[in-house]
Amino acid sequence: MTEKKIHKQITDFIKLQYPNLIFNTDASGIRLPMGQAIQLKRLRSGNGFPDITIYESNVKYSALFLEVKKESPFKKDGKLKKSAHLQEQNLMHKRLRAKGYKVLFVWRLEQVIQVLKEYLK
């Protein structure tokens, strides 16, 4: 399954099961003409932002960020695979966690269902 399809499954699930939940999707994964892509990049503080932001706090976190992947970004030993893109995303995840946000890599709808259950209880 493609990352795009998983992303759509997740947003459809949220809309159906949590209709009052406010969320947003980062536009950086959308193919844009070069001029628009450059303009969009200039409007951000940096790179590596997660794909989905859920604007809901709980007793521990200020918001939930989900980075959607088509497969696990982790090796069997639990370490992040070596990729400049993944490393850049992981750096942004660390920065967001330091600000009080929960940030996760996800690659299956079933994961997201469990994450949301736990996060929203």
Protein backbone atom coordinates (compact mmCIF):
# COMPACT_ATOMS: atom_id res chain seq x y z
CA MET A 1 0.00 0.00 0.00
CA THR A 2 1.27 3.47 -0.77
CA GLU A 3 1.90 6.17 1.80
CA LYS A 4 -0.76 8.28 0.10
CA LYS A 5 -3.40 5.54 0.54
CA ILE A 6 -2.50 4.97 4.19
CA HIS A 7 -2.66 8.73 4.79
CA LYS A 8 -6.15 8.84 3.23
CA GLN A 9 -7.30 5.84 5.31
CA ILE A 10 -6.18 7.65 8.45
CA THR A 11 -7.89 10.94 7.65
CA ASP A 12 -11.09 9.14 6.58
CA PHE A 13 -11.06 7.17 9.84
CA ILE A 14 -10.60 10.31 11.94
CA LYS A 15 -13.44 12.09 10.14
CA LEU A 16 -15.76 9.12 10.63
CA GLN A 17 -14.89 8.07 14.18
CA TYR A 18 -13.93 11.46 15.66
CA PRO A 19 -15.96 14.06 13.72
CA ASN A 20 -15.26 16.81 16.27
CA LEU A 21 -11.51 16.28 16.28
CA ILE A 22 -9.62 19.12 14.63
CA PHE A 23 -6.70 18.00 12.47
CA ASN A 24 -4.64 19.20 9.55
CA THR A 25 -2.41 17.62 6.94
CA ASP A 26 0.96 19.02 5.93
CA ALA A 27 1.00 19.93 2.23
CA SER A 28 4.67 19.16 1.61
CA GLY A 29 3.87 15.68 0.24
CA ILE A 30 1.69 17.12 -2.51
CA ARG A 31 3.34 17.58 -5.89
CA LEU A 32 3.30 21.26 -6.76
CA PRO A 33 4.78 23.32 -9.58
CA MET A 34 8.34 24.35 -8.67
CA GLY A 35 7.43 27.98 -7.96
CA GLN A 36 4.68 27.03 -5.52
CA ALA A 37 6.86 24.41 -3.83
CA ILE A 38 9.59 27.02 -3.26
CA GLN A 39 7.06 29.52 -1.95
CA LEU A 40 5.58 26.95 0.45
CA LYS A 41 9.05 26.01 1.72
CA ARG A 42 9.87 29.68 2.43
CA LEU A 43 6.78 29.94 4.64
CA ARG A 44 8.00 27.23 7.06
CA SER A 45 10.46 27.41 9.93
CA GLY A 46 12.18 24.23 8.76
CA ASN A 47 11.86 20.80 7.19
CA GLY A 48 10.68 17.44 8.45
CA PHE A 49 7.25 18.37 9.77
CA PRO A 50 4.98 15.38 10.41
CA ASP A 51 2.17 14.65 7.97
CA ILE A 52 -0.83 14.95 10.29
CA THR A 53 -1.36 17.30 13.23
CA ILE A 54 -4.19 16.56 15.65
CA TYR A 55 -5.04 19.65 17.65
CA GLU A 56 -6.15 17.97 20.84
CA SER A 57 -4.35 18.05 24.16
CA ASN A 58 -4.51 15.41 26.84
CA VAL A 59 -3.14 15.21 30.39
CA LYS A 60 0.41 14.70 29.09
CA TYR A 61 0.71 16.29 25.63
CA SER A 62 -0.33 19.51 23.89
CA ALA A 63 -1.03 17.89 20.51
CA LEU A 64 -0.44 14.71 18.51
CA PHE A 65 1.69 14.56 15.36
CA LEU A 66 1.74 11.56 13.02
CA GLU A 67 4.38 10.91 10.37
CA VAL A 68 2.86 8.50 7.84
CA LYS A 69 5.08 5.92 6.14
CA LYS A 70 4.28 3.05 3.77
CA GLU A 71 6.36 0.69 5.94
CA SER A 72 8.19 0.76 9.23
CA PRO A 73 11.06 3.27 9.25
CA PHE A 74 12.79 1.17 11.92
CA LYS A 75 15.30 -1.66 11.61
CA LYS A 76 14.75 -4.94 13.47
CA ASP A 77 16.86 -3.64 16.37
CA GLY A 78 14.47 -0.69 16.81
CA LYS A 79 16.85 1.95 15.44
CA LEU A 80 15.75 4.32 12.71
CA LYS A 81 16.83 3.28 9.20
CA LYS A 82 19.63 5.35 7.70
CA SER A 83 18.14 7.89 5.34
CA ALA A 84 18.78 11.62 5.20
CA HIS A 85 15.03 12.23 4.90
CA LEU A 86 14.22 10.07 7.95
CA GLN A 87 17.00 11.70 9.95
CA GLU A 88 15.66 15.16 9.08
CA GLN A 89 12.16 14.10 10.14
CA ASN A 90 13.47 12.55 13.33
CA LEU A 91 15.27 15.79 14.22
CA MET A 92 12.01 17.72 13.83
CA HIS A 93 10.23 15.07 15.93
CA LYS A 94 12.76 15.61 18.72
CA ARG A 95 12.24 19.37 18.55
CA LEU A 96 8.46 18.93 18.73
CA ARG A 97 8.70 16.48 21.64
CA ALA A 98 10.83 19.01 23.52
CA LYS A 99 7.89 21.44 23.18
CA GLY A 100 5.43 18.99 24.79
CA TYR A 101 3.97 17.24 21.76
CA LYS A 102 3.52 13.52 21.12
CA VAL A 103 5.10 12.56 17.79
CA LEU A 104 5.03 9.12 16.16
CA PHE A 105 5.91 7.37 12.94
CA VAL A 106 2.90 5.29 11.78
CA TRP A 107 2.55 2.91 8.83
CA ARG A 108 -0.72 1.04 9.39
CA LEU A 109 -4.26 2.21 10.11
CA GLU A 110 -4.49 -0.30 12.97
CA GLN A 111 -1.60 1.50 14.70
CA VAL A 112 -3.34 4.84 14.40
CA ILE A 113 -6.59 3.43 15.78
CA GLN A 114 -4.73 2.20 18.86
CA VAL A 115 -2.75 5.44 19.22
CA LEU A 116 -5.92 7.53 19.08
CA LYS A 117 -7.71 5.30 21.61
CA GLU A 118 -4.88 5.71 24.07
CA TYR A 119 -4.25 9.39 23.35
CA LEU A 120 -7.89 10.47 23.60
CA LYS A 121 -8.93 8.53 26.72
